[in-house]
């Protein structure tokens, strides 16, 4: 039997998906040193529609480089974590 993993539900006062996505990106930047948070699996949902989730980050595996940290359904090729900061900034 595997040990269960927990999901942290953190309600906000934001009213748009774009605002919530931007906040998630800022949280990832600020909390990247916290190894127990899996930002690659981050999803967003409306408060009253919790089962309808929007994936935030691509998360595709990059051989020997971790996962792509660009937004979900980004244009162009995936970027390694260090490359993504340059693309986003």
PDB file of N, CA and C in Angstrom:
ATOM      1  N   UNK A   1       0.842  -1.183   0.000  1.00  0.00           N
ATOM      2  CA  UNK A   1       0.000   0.000   0.000  1.00  0.00           C
ATOM      3  C   UNK A   1       0.888   1.247   0.000  1.00  0.00           C
ATOM      4  N   UNK A   2       0.565   2.195  -0.844  1.00  0.00           N
ATOM      5  CA  UNK A   2       1.366   3.414  -0.914  1.00  0.00           C
ATOM      6  C   UNK A   2       0.842   4.455   0.073  1.00  0.00           C
ATOM      7  N   UNK A   3       1.736   5.293   0.508  1.00  0.00           N
ATOM      8  CA  UNK A   3       1.374   6.370   1.416  1.00  0.00           C
ATOM      9  C   UNK A   3       0.615   7.445   0.642  1.00  0.00           C
ATOM     10  N   UNK A   4      -0.527   7.914   1.164  1.00  0.00           N
ATOM     11  CA  UNK A   4      -1.287   8.931   0.430  1.00  0.00           C
ATOM     12  C   UNK A   4      -0.550  10.265   0.389  1.00  0.00           C
ATOM     13  N   UNK A   5      -0.747  10.982  -0.701  1.00  0.00           N
ATOM     14  CA  UNK A   5      -0.212  12.340  -0.825  1.00  0.00           C
ATOM     15  C   UNK A   5      -1.370  13.307  -0.594  1.00  0.00           C
ATOM     16  N   UNK A   6      -1.070  14.438  -0.043  1.00  0.00           N
ATOM     17  CA  UNK A   6      -2.103  15.401   0.313  1.00  0.00           C
ATOM     18  C   UNK A   6      -2.099  16.592  -0.636  1.00  0.00           C
ATOM     19  N   UNK A   7      -3.275  17.146  -0.872  1.00  0.00           N
ATOM     20  CA  UNK A   7      -3.448  18.323  -1.720  1.00  0.00           C
ATOM     21  C   UNK A   7      -3.859  19.484  -0.823  1.00  0.00           C
ATOM     22  N   UNK A   8      -3.201  20.605  -0.980  1.00  0.00           N
ATOM     23  CA  UNK A   8      -3.509  21.807  -0.214  1.00  0.00           C
ATOM     24  C   UNK A   8      -4.472  22.672  -1.019  1.00  0.00           C
ATOM     25  N   UNK A   9      -5.671  22.885  -0.501  1.00  0.00           N
ATOM     26  CA  UNK A   9      -6.651  23.757  -1.157  1.00  0.00           C
ATOM     27  C   UNK A   9      -6.547  25.116  -0.478  1.00  0.00           C
ATOM     28  N   UNK A  10      -6.196  26.131  -1.239  1.00  0.00           N
ATOM     29  CA  UNK A  10      -5.952  27.462  -0.697  1.00  0.00           C
ATOM     30  C   UNK A  10      -6.836  28.480  -1.420  1.00  0.00           C
ATOM     31  N   UNK A  11      -8.033  28.763  -0.889  1.00  0.00           N
ATOM     32  CA  UNK A  11      -8.931  29.702  -1.557  1.00  0.00           C
ATOM     33  C   UNK A  11      -8.327  31.109  -1.643  1.00  0.00           C
ATOM     34  N   UNK A  12      -8.694  31.828  -2.697  1.00  0.00           N
ATOM     35  CA  UNK A  12      -8.243  33.211  -2.880  1.00  0.00           C
ATOM     36  C   UNK A  12      -9.466  34.103  -3.085  1.00  0.00           C
ATOM     37  N   UNK A  13      -9.217  35.382  -3.192  1.00  0.00           N
ATOM     38  CA  UNK A  13     -10.277  36.341  -3.508  1.00  0.00           C
ATOM     39  C   UNK A  13     -10.196  36.778  -4.970  1.00  0.00           C
ATOM     40  N   UNK A  14      -9.389  36.087  -5.753  1.00  0.00           N
ATOM     41  CA  UNK A  14      -9.222  36.417  -7.170  1.00  0.00           C
ATOM     42  C   UNK A  14     -10.468  36.011  -7.946  1.00  0.00           C
ATOM     43  N   UNK A  15     -10.745  36.733  -9.035  1.00  0.00           N
ATOM     44  CA  UNK A  15     -11.979  36.482  -9.786  1.00  0.00           C
ATOM     45  C   UNK A  15     -11.752  36.047 -11.228  1.00  0.00           C
ATOM     46  N   UNK A  16     -10.488  35.811 -11.630  1.00  0.00           N
ATOM     47  CA  UNK A  16     -10.255  35.334 -12.998  1.00  0.00           C
ATOM     48  C   UNK A  16      -9.180  34.254 -13.002  1.00  0.00           C
ATOM     49  N   UNK A  17      -9.271  33.386 -14.002  1.00  0.00           N
ATOM     50  CA  UNK A  17      -8.284  32.319 -14.159  1.00  0.00           C
ATOM     51  C   UNK A  17      -6.898  32.905 -14.414  1.00  0.00           C
ATOM     52  N   UNK A  18      -6.815  33.972 -15.200  1.00  0.00           N
ATOM     53  CA  UNK A  18      -5.514  34.595 -15.477  1.00  0.00           C
ATOM     54  C   UNK A  18      -4.857  35.115 -14.202  1.00  0.00           C
ATOM     55  N   UNK A  19      -5.637  35.756 -13.339  1.00  0.00           N
ATOM     56  CA  UNK A  19      -5.087  36.254 -12.071  1.00  0.00           C
ATOM     57  C   UNK A  19      -4.615  35.099 -11.190  1.00  0.00           C
ATOM     58  N   UNK A  20      -5.403  34.041 -11.126  1.00  0.00           N
ATOM     59  CA  UNK A  20      -5.038  32.888 -10.306  1.00  0.00           C
ATOM     60  C   UNK A  20      -3.791  32.198 -10.853  1.00  0.00           C
ATOM     61  N   UNK A  21      -3.675  32.126 -12.181  1.00  0.00           N
ATOM     62  CA  UNK A  21      -2.488  31.538 -12.800  1.00  0.00           C
ATOM     63  C   UNK A  21      -1.256  32.371 -12.487  1.00  0.00           C
ATOM     64  N   UNK A  22      -1.373  33.689 -12.591  1.00  0.00           N
ATOM     65  CA  UNK A  22      -0.245  34.578 -12.288  1.00  0.00           C
ATOM     66  C   UNK A  22       0.177  34.437 -10.827  1.00  0.00           C
ATOM     67  N   UNK A  23      -0.790  34.328  -9.920  1.00  0.00           N
ATOM     68  CA  UNK A  23      -0.456  34.140  -8.506  1.00  0.00           C
ATOM     69  C   UNK A  23       0.267  32.814  -8.295  1.00  0.00           C
ATOM     70  N   UNK A  24      -0.192  31.769  -8.960  1.00  0.00           N
ATOM     71  CA  UNK A  24       0.464  30.463  -8.843  1.00  0.00           C
ATOM     72  C   UNK A  24       1.903  30.538  -9.330  1.00  0.00           C
ATOM     73  N   UNK A  25       2.144  31.261 -10.413  1.00  0.00           N
ATOM     74  CA  UNK A  25       3.516  31.445 -10.903  1.00  0.00           C
ATOM     75  C   UNK A  25       4.371  32.184  -9.878  1.00  0.00           C
ATOM     76  N   UNK A  26       3.817  33.219  -9.263  1.00  0.00           N
ATOM     77  CA  UNK A  26       4.572  33.964  -8.244  1.00  0.00           C
ATOM     78  C   UNK A  26       4.843  33.107  -7.014  1.00  0.00           C
ATOM     79  N   UNK A  27       3.863  32.302  -6.614  1.00  0.00           N
ATOM     80  CA  UNK A  27       4.075  31.400  -5.478  1.00  0.00           C
ATOM     81  C   UNK A  27       5.170  30.384  -5.787  1.00  0.00           C
ATOM     82  N   UNK A  28       5.183  29.868  -7.023  1.00  0.00           N
ATOM     83  CA  UNK A  28       6.233  28.921  -7.416  1.00  0.00           C
ATOM     84  C   UNK A  28       7.608  29.574  -7.311  1.00  0.00           C
ATOM     85  N   UNK A  29       7.724  30.810  -7.779  1.00  0.00           N
ATOM     86  CA  UNK A  29       9.006  31.520  -7.692  1.00  0.00           C
ATOM     87  C   UNK A  29       9.423  31.727  -6.239  1.00  0.00           C
ATOM     88  N   UNK A  30       8.488  32.150  -5.396  1.00  0.00           N
ATOM     89  CA  UNK A  30       8.803  32.456  -4.001  1.00  0.00           C
ATOM     90  C   UNK A  30       9.063  31.210  -3.163  1.00  0.00           C
ATOM     91  N   UNK A  31       8.408  30.101  -3.515  1.00  0.00           N
ATOM     92  CA  UNK A  31       8.500  28.887  -2.697  1.00  0.00           C
ATOM     93  C   UNK A  31       9.265  27.755  -3.380  1.00  0.00           C
ATOM     94  N   UNK A  32      10.039  28.069  -4.390  1.00  0.00           N
ATOM     95  CA  UNK A  32      10.762  27.023  -5.130  1.00  0.00           C
ATOM     96  C   UNK A  32      11.742  26.254  -4.251  1.00  0.00           C
ATOM     97  N   UNK A  33      12.141  26.830  -3.134  1.00  0.00           N
ATOM     98  CA  UNK A  33      13.072  26.159  -2.220  1.00  0.00           C
ATOM     99  C   UNK A  33      12.375  25.116  -1.337  1.00  0.00           C
ATOM    100  N   UNK A  34      11.047  25.068  -1.351  1.00  0.00           N
ATOM    101  CA  UNK A  34      10.289  24.118  -0.533  1.00  0.00           C
ATOM    102  C   UNK A  34      10.059  22.859  -1.365  1.00  0.00           C
ATOM    103  N   UNK A  35      10.864  21.843  -1.108  1.00  0.00           N
ATOM    104  CA  UNK A  35      10.885  20.641  -1.952  1.00  0.00           C
ATOM    105  C   UNK A  35       9.608  19.802  -1.877  1.00  0.00           C
ATOM    106  N   UNK A  36       8.789  19.973  -0.853  1.00  0.00           N
ATOM    107  CA  UNK A  36       7.592  19.136  -0.717  1.00  0.00           C
ATOM    108  C   UNK A  36       6.407  19.653  -1.532  1.00  0.00           C
ATOM    109  N   UNK A  37       6.553  20.807  -2.182  1.00  0.00           N
ATOM    110  CA  UNK A  37       5.474  21.337  -3.021  1.00  0.00           C
ATOM    111  C   UNK A  37       5.755  20.968  -4.474  1.00  0.00           C
ATOM    112  N   UNK A  38       4.789  20.282  -5.105  1.00  0.00           N
ATOM    113  CA  UNK A  38       4.929  19.849  -6.496  1.00  0.00           C
ATOM    114  C   UNK A  38       4.183  20.828  -7.405  1.00  0.00           C
ATOM    115  N   UNK A  39       4.836  21.923  -7.765  1.00  0.00           N
ATOM    116  CA  UNK A  39       4.188  22.929  -8.602  1.00  0.00           C
ATOM    117  C   UNK A  39       3.894  22.415 -10.005  1.00  0.00           C
ATOM    118  N   UNK A  40       4.618  21.409 -10.486  1.00  0.00           N
ATOM    119  CA  UNK A  40       4.338  20.859 -11.817  1.00  0.00           C
ATOM    120  C   UNK A  40       2.931  20.288 -11.900  1.00  0.00           C
ATOM    121  N   UNK A  41       2.377  19.880 -10.764  1.00  0.00           N
ATOM    122  CA  UNK A  41       1.040  19.295 -10.738  1.00  0.00           C
ATOM    123  C   UNK A  41      -0.029  20.298 -10.302  1.00  0.00           C
ATOM    124  N   UNK A  42       0.317  21.580 -10.230  1.00  0.00           N
ATOM    125  CA  UNK A  42      -0.632  22.598  -9.765  1.00  0.00           C
ATOM    126  C   UNK A  42      -1.836  22.698 -10.699  1.00  0.00           C
ATOM    127  N   UNK A  43      -3.013  22.754 -10.093  1.00  0.00           N
ATOM    128  CA  UNK A  43      -4.251  22.965 -10.839  1.00  0.00           C
ATOM    129  C   UNK A  43      -5.056  24.060 -10.150  1.00  0.00           C
ATOM    130  N   UNK A  44      -5.939  24.681 -10.905  1.00  0.00           N
ATOM    131  CA  UNK A  44      -6.817  25.720 -10.372  1.00  0.00           C
ATOM    132  C   UNK A  44      -8.256  25.340 -10.655  1.00  0.00           C
ATOM    133  N   UNK A  45      -9.155  25.750  -9.770  1.00  0.00           N
ATOM    134  CA  UNK A  45     -10.578  25.523  -9.999  1.00  0.00           C
ATOM    135  C   UNK A  45     -11.372  26.662  -9.370  1.00  0.00           C
ATOM    136  N   UNK A  46     -12.573  26.867  -9.890  1.00  0.00           N
ATOM    137  CA  UNK A  46     -13.475  27.841  -9.285  1.00  0.00           C
ATOM    138  C   UNK A  46     -13.938  27.294  -7.943  1.00  0.00           C
ATOM    139  N   UNK A  47     -14.182  28.189  -7.007  1.00  0.00           N
ATOM    140  CA  UNK A  47     -14.545  27.789  -5.646  1.00  0.00           C
ATOM    141  C   UNK A  47     -15.744  26.843  -5.612  1.00  0.00           C
ATOM    142  N   UNK A  48     -16.736  27.092  -6.428  1.00  0.00           N
ATOM    143  CA  UNK A  48     -17.946  26.266  -6.416  1.00  0.00           C
ATOM    144  C   UNK A  48     -17.941  25.159  -7.464  1.00  0.00           C
ATOM    145  N   UNK A  49     -16.805  24.984  -8.156  1.00  0.00           N
ATOM    146  CA  UNK A  49     -16.674  23.925  -9.172  1.00  0.00           C
ATOM    147  C   UNK A  49     -15.328  23.229  -8.984  1.00  0.00           C
ATOM    148  N   UNK A  50     -15.103  22.674  -7.824  1.00  0.00           N
ATOM    149  CA  UNK A  50     -13.801  22.104  -7.477  1.00  0.00           C
ATOM    150  C   UNK A  50     -13.393  20.924  -8.346  1.00  0.00           C
ATOM    151  N   UNK A  51     -14.345  20.241  -8.947  1.00  0.00           N
ATOM    152  CA  UNK A  51     -14.001  19.082  -9.772  1.00  0.00           C
ATOM    153  C   UNK A  51     -13.555  19.484 -11.181  1.00  0.00           C
ATOM    154  N   UNK A  52     -13.756  20.740 -11.582  1.00  0.00           N
ATOM    155  CA  UNK A  52     -13.316  21.236 -12.888  1.00  0.00           C
ATOM    156  C   UNK A  52     -11.984  21.938 -12.668  1.00  0.00           C
ATOM    157  N   UNK A  53     -10.909  21.280 -13.051  1.00  0.00           N
ATOM    158  CA  UNK A  53      -9.570  21.790 -12.763  1.00  0.00           C
ATOM    159  C   UNK A  53      -8.856  22.232 -14.031  1.00  0.00           C
ATOM    160  N   UNK A  54      -8.067  23.291 -13.882  1.00  0.00           N
ATOM    161  CA  UNK A  54      -7.258  23.832 -14.976  1.00  0.00           C
ATOM    162  C   UNK A  54      -5.791  23.631 -14.615  1.00  0.00           C
ATOM    163  N   UNK A  55      -5.074  22.883 -15.441  1.00  0.00           N
ATOM    164  CA  UNK A  55      -3.646  22.659 -15.216  1.00  0.00           C
ATOM    165  C   UNK A  55      -2.906  23.975 -15.427  1.00  0.00           C
ATOM    166  N   UNK A  56      -1.941  24.294 -14.545  1.00  0.00           N
ATOM    167  CA  UNK A  56      -1.221  25.566 -14.625  1.00  0.00           C
ATOM    168  C   UNK A  56       0.054  25.437 -15.445  1.00  0.00           C
ATOM    169  N   UNK A  57       0.861  24.428 -15.157  1.00  0.00           N
ATOM    170  CA  UNK A  57       2.166  24.292 -15.799  1.00  0.00           C
ATOM    171  C   UNK A  57       2.202  23.072 -16.708  1.00  0.00           C
ATOM    172  N   UNK A  58       3.074  23.114 -17.704  1.00  0.00           N
ATOM    173  CA  UNK A  58       3.217  22.026 -18.670  1.00  0.00           C
ATOM    174  C   UNK A  58       3.601  20.723 -17.964  1.00  0.00           C
ATOM    175  N   UNK A  59       4.726  20.735 -17.255  1.00  0.00           N
ATOM    176  CA  UNK A  59       5.146  19.572 -16.488  1.00  0.00           C
ATOM    177  C   UNK A  59       5.686  18.409 -17.297  1.00  0.00           C
ATOM    178  N   UNK A  60       5.854  18.557 -18.612  1.00  0.00           N
ATOM    179  CA  UNK A  60       6.399  17.464 -19.424  1.00  0.00           C
ATOM    180  C   UNK A  60       7.828  17.158 -18.995  1.00  0.00           C
ATOM    181  N   UNK A  61       8.142  15.877 -18.919  1.00  0.00           N
ATOM    182  CA  UNK A  61       9.488  15.459 -18.512  1.00  0.00           C
ATOM    183  C   UNK A  61      10.508  15.831 -19.579  1.00  0.00           C
ATOM    184  N   UNK A  62      11.620  16.378 -19.135  1.00  0.00           N
ATOM    185  CA  UNK A  62      12.737  16.722 -20.018  1.00  0.00           C
ATOM    186  C   UNK A  62      13.912  15.842 -19.621  1.00  0.00           C
ATOM    187  N   UNK A  63      14.415  15.007 -20.521  1.00  0.00           N
ATOM    188  CA  UNK A  63      15.483  14.063 -20.185  1.00  0.00           C
ATOM    189  C   UNK A  63      16.665  14.742 -19.481  1.00  0.00           C
ATOM    190  N   UNK A  64      16.906  14.335 -18.247  1.00  0.00           N
ATOM    191  CA  UNK A  64      18.038  14.831 -17.481  1.00  0.00           C
ATOM    192  C   UNK A  64      17.930  16.270 -17.023  1.00  0.00           C
ATOM    193  N   UNK A  65      16.756  16.904 -17.213  1.00  0.00           N
ATOM    194  CA  UNK A  65      16.617  18.322 -16.856  1.00  0.00           C
ATOM    195  C   UNK A  65      15.388  18.613 -16.010  1.00  0.00           C
ATOM    196  N   UNK A  66      14.735  17.616 -15.474  1.00  0.00           N
ATOM    197  CA  UNK A  66      13.525  17.856 -14.701  1.00  0.00           C
ATOM    198  C   UNK A  66      12.312  17.954 -15.602  1.00  0.00           C
ATOM    199  N   UNK A  67      11.426  18.888 -15.284  1.00  0.00           N
ATOM    200  CA  UNK A  67      10.185  19.060 -16.041  1.00  0.00           C
ATOM    201  C   UNK A  67      10.082  20.469 -16.599  1.00  0.00           C
ATOM    202  N   UNK A  68       9.335  20.598 -17.682  1.00  0.00           N
ATOM    203  CA  UNK A  68       9.075  21.907 -18.280  1.00  0.00           C
ATOM    204  C   UNK A  68       8.277  22.747 -17.284  1.00  0.00           C
ATOM    205  N   UNK A  69       8.703  23.971 -17.071  1.00  0.00           N
ATOM    206  CA  UNK A  69       8.022  24.840 -16.115  1.00  0.00           C
ATOM    207  C   UNK A  69       7.244  25.967 -16.790  1.00  0.00           C
ATOM    208  N   UNK A  70       7.066  25.880 -18.101  1.00  0.00           N
ATOM    209  CA  UNK A  70       6.251  26.874 -18.798  1.00  0.00           C
ATOM    210  C   UNK A  70       4.773  26.593 -18.541  1.00  0.00           C
ATOM    211  N   UNK A  71       3.918  27.542 -18.881  1.00  0.00           N
ATOM    212  CA  UNK A  71       2.478  27.346 -18.700  1.00  0.00           C
ATOM    213  C   UNK A  71       1.960  26.186 -19.547  1.00  0.00           C
ATOM    214  N   UNK A  72       0.897  25.576 -19.070  1.00  0.00           N
ATOM    215  CA  UNK A  72       0.220  24.493 -19.785  1.00  0.00           C
ATOM    216  C   UNK A  72      -0.182  24.983 -21.177  1.00  0.00           C
ATOM    217  N   UNK A  73      -0.012  24.141 -22.180  1.00  0.00           N
ATOM    218  CA  UNK A  73      -0.330  24.431 -23.583  1.00  0.00           C
ATOM    219  C   UNK A  73       0.432  25.647 -24.116  1.00  0.00           C
ATOM    220  N   UNK A  74       1.687  25.800 -23.667  1.00  0.00           N
ATOM    221  CA  UNK A  74       2.526  26.910 -24.138  1.00  0.00           C
ATOM    222  C   UNK A  74       2.890  26.721 -25.603  1.00  0.00           C
ATOM    223  N   UNK A  75       3.148  27.826 -26.316  1.00  0.00           N
ATOM    224  CA  UNK A  75       3.615  27.704 -27.699  1.00  0.00           C
ATOM    225  C   UNK A  75       5.096  27.326 -27.713  1.00  0.00           C
ATOM    226  N   UNK A  76       5.528  26.690 -28.769  1.00  0.00           N
ATOM    227  CA  UNK A  76       6.945  26.370 -28.918  1.00  0.00           C
ATOM    228  C   UNK A  76       7.387  25.203 -28.058  1.00  0.00           C
ATOM    229  N   UNK A  77       8.704  24.951 -28.061  1.00  0.00           N
ATOM    230  CA  UNK A  77       9.246  23.801 -27.336  1.00  0.00           C
ATOM    231  C   UNK A  77       9.246  24.025 -25.826  1.00  0.00           C
ATOM    232  N   UNK A  78       9.302  22.927 -25.108  1.00  0.00           N
ATOM    233  CA  UNK A  78       9.396  22.984 -23.652  1.00  0.00           C
ATOM    234  C   UNK A  78      10.733  23.588 -23.238  1.00  0.00           C
ATOM    235  N   UNK A  79      10.783  24.104 -22.017  1.00  0.00           N
ATOM    236  CA  UNK A  79      12.006  24.717 -21.504  1.00  0.00           C
ATOM    237  C   UNK A  79      12.375  24.095 -20.170  1.00  0.00           C
ATOM    238  N   UNK A  80      13.672  23.889 -19.979  1.00  0.00           N
ATOM    239  CA  UNK A  80      14.192  23.402 -18.703  1.00  0.00           C
ATOM    240  C   UNK A  80      13.962  24.478 -17.646  1.00  0.00           C
ATOM    241  N   UNK A  81      13.940  24.104 -16.363  1.00  0.00           N
ATOM    242  CA  UNK A  81      13.684  25.089 -15.313  1.00  0.00           C
ATOM    243  C   UNK A  81      14.532  26.354 -15.407  1.00  0.00           C
ATOM    244  N   UNK A  82      15.817  26.258 -15.674  1.00  0.00           N
ATOM    245  CA  UNK A  82      16.646  27.464 -15.761  1.00  0.00           C
ATOM    246  C   UNK A  82      16.303  28.276 -17.006  1.00  0.00           C
ATOM    247  N   UNK A  83      15.946  27.606 -18.114  1.00  0.00           N
ATOM    248  CA  UNK A  83      15.553  28.295 -19.345  1.00  0.00           C
ATOM    249  C   UNK A  83      14.209  28.994 -19.181  1.00  0.00           C
ATOM    250  N   UNK A  84      13.293  28.388 -18.414  1.00  0.00           N
ATOM    251  CA  UNK A  84      11.945  28.934 -18.251  1.00  0.00           C
ATOM    252  C   UNK A  84      11.991  30.288 -17.562  1.00  0.00           C
ATOM    253  N   UNK A  85      12.893  30.469 -16.607  1.00  0.00           N
ATOM    254  CA  UNK A  85      13.003  31.762 -15.934  1.00  0.00           C
ATOM    255  C   UNK A  85      13.406  32.840 -16.934  1.00  0.00           C
ATOM    256  N   UNK A  86      14.287  32.495 -17.861  1.00  0.00           N
ATOM    257  CA  UNK A  86      14.723  33.465 -18.859  1.00  0.00           C
ATOM    258  C   UNK A  86      13.585  33.784 -19.825  1.00  0.00           C
ATOM    259  N   UNK A  87      12.794  32.775 -20.204  1.00  0.00           N
ATOM    260  CA  UNK A  87      11.683  32.973 -21.131  1.00  0.00           C
ATOM    261  C   UNK A  87      10.595  33.813 -20.468  1.00  0.00           C
ATOM    262  N   UNK A  88      10.282  33.497 -19.188  1.00  0.00           N
ATOM    263  CA  UNK A  88       9.208  34.190 -18.484  1.00  0.00           C
ATOM    264  C   UNK A  88       9.604  35.605 -18.093  1.00  0.00           C
ATOM    265  N   UNK A  89      10.891  35.833 -17.817  1.00  0.00           N
ATOM    266  CA  UNK A  89      11.326  37.128 -17.308  1.00  0.00           C
ATOM    267  C   UNK A  89      11.622  38.040 -18.398  1.00  0.00           C
TER     268      UNK A  89
END
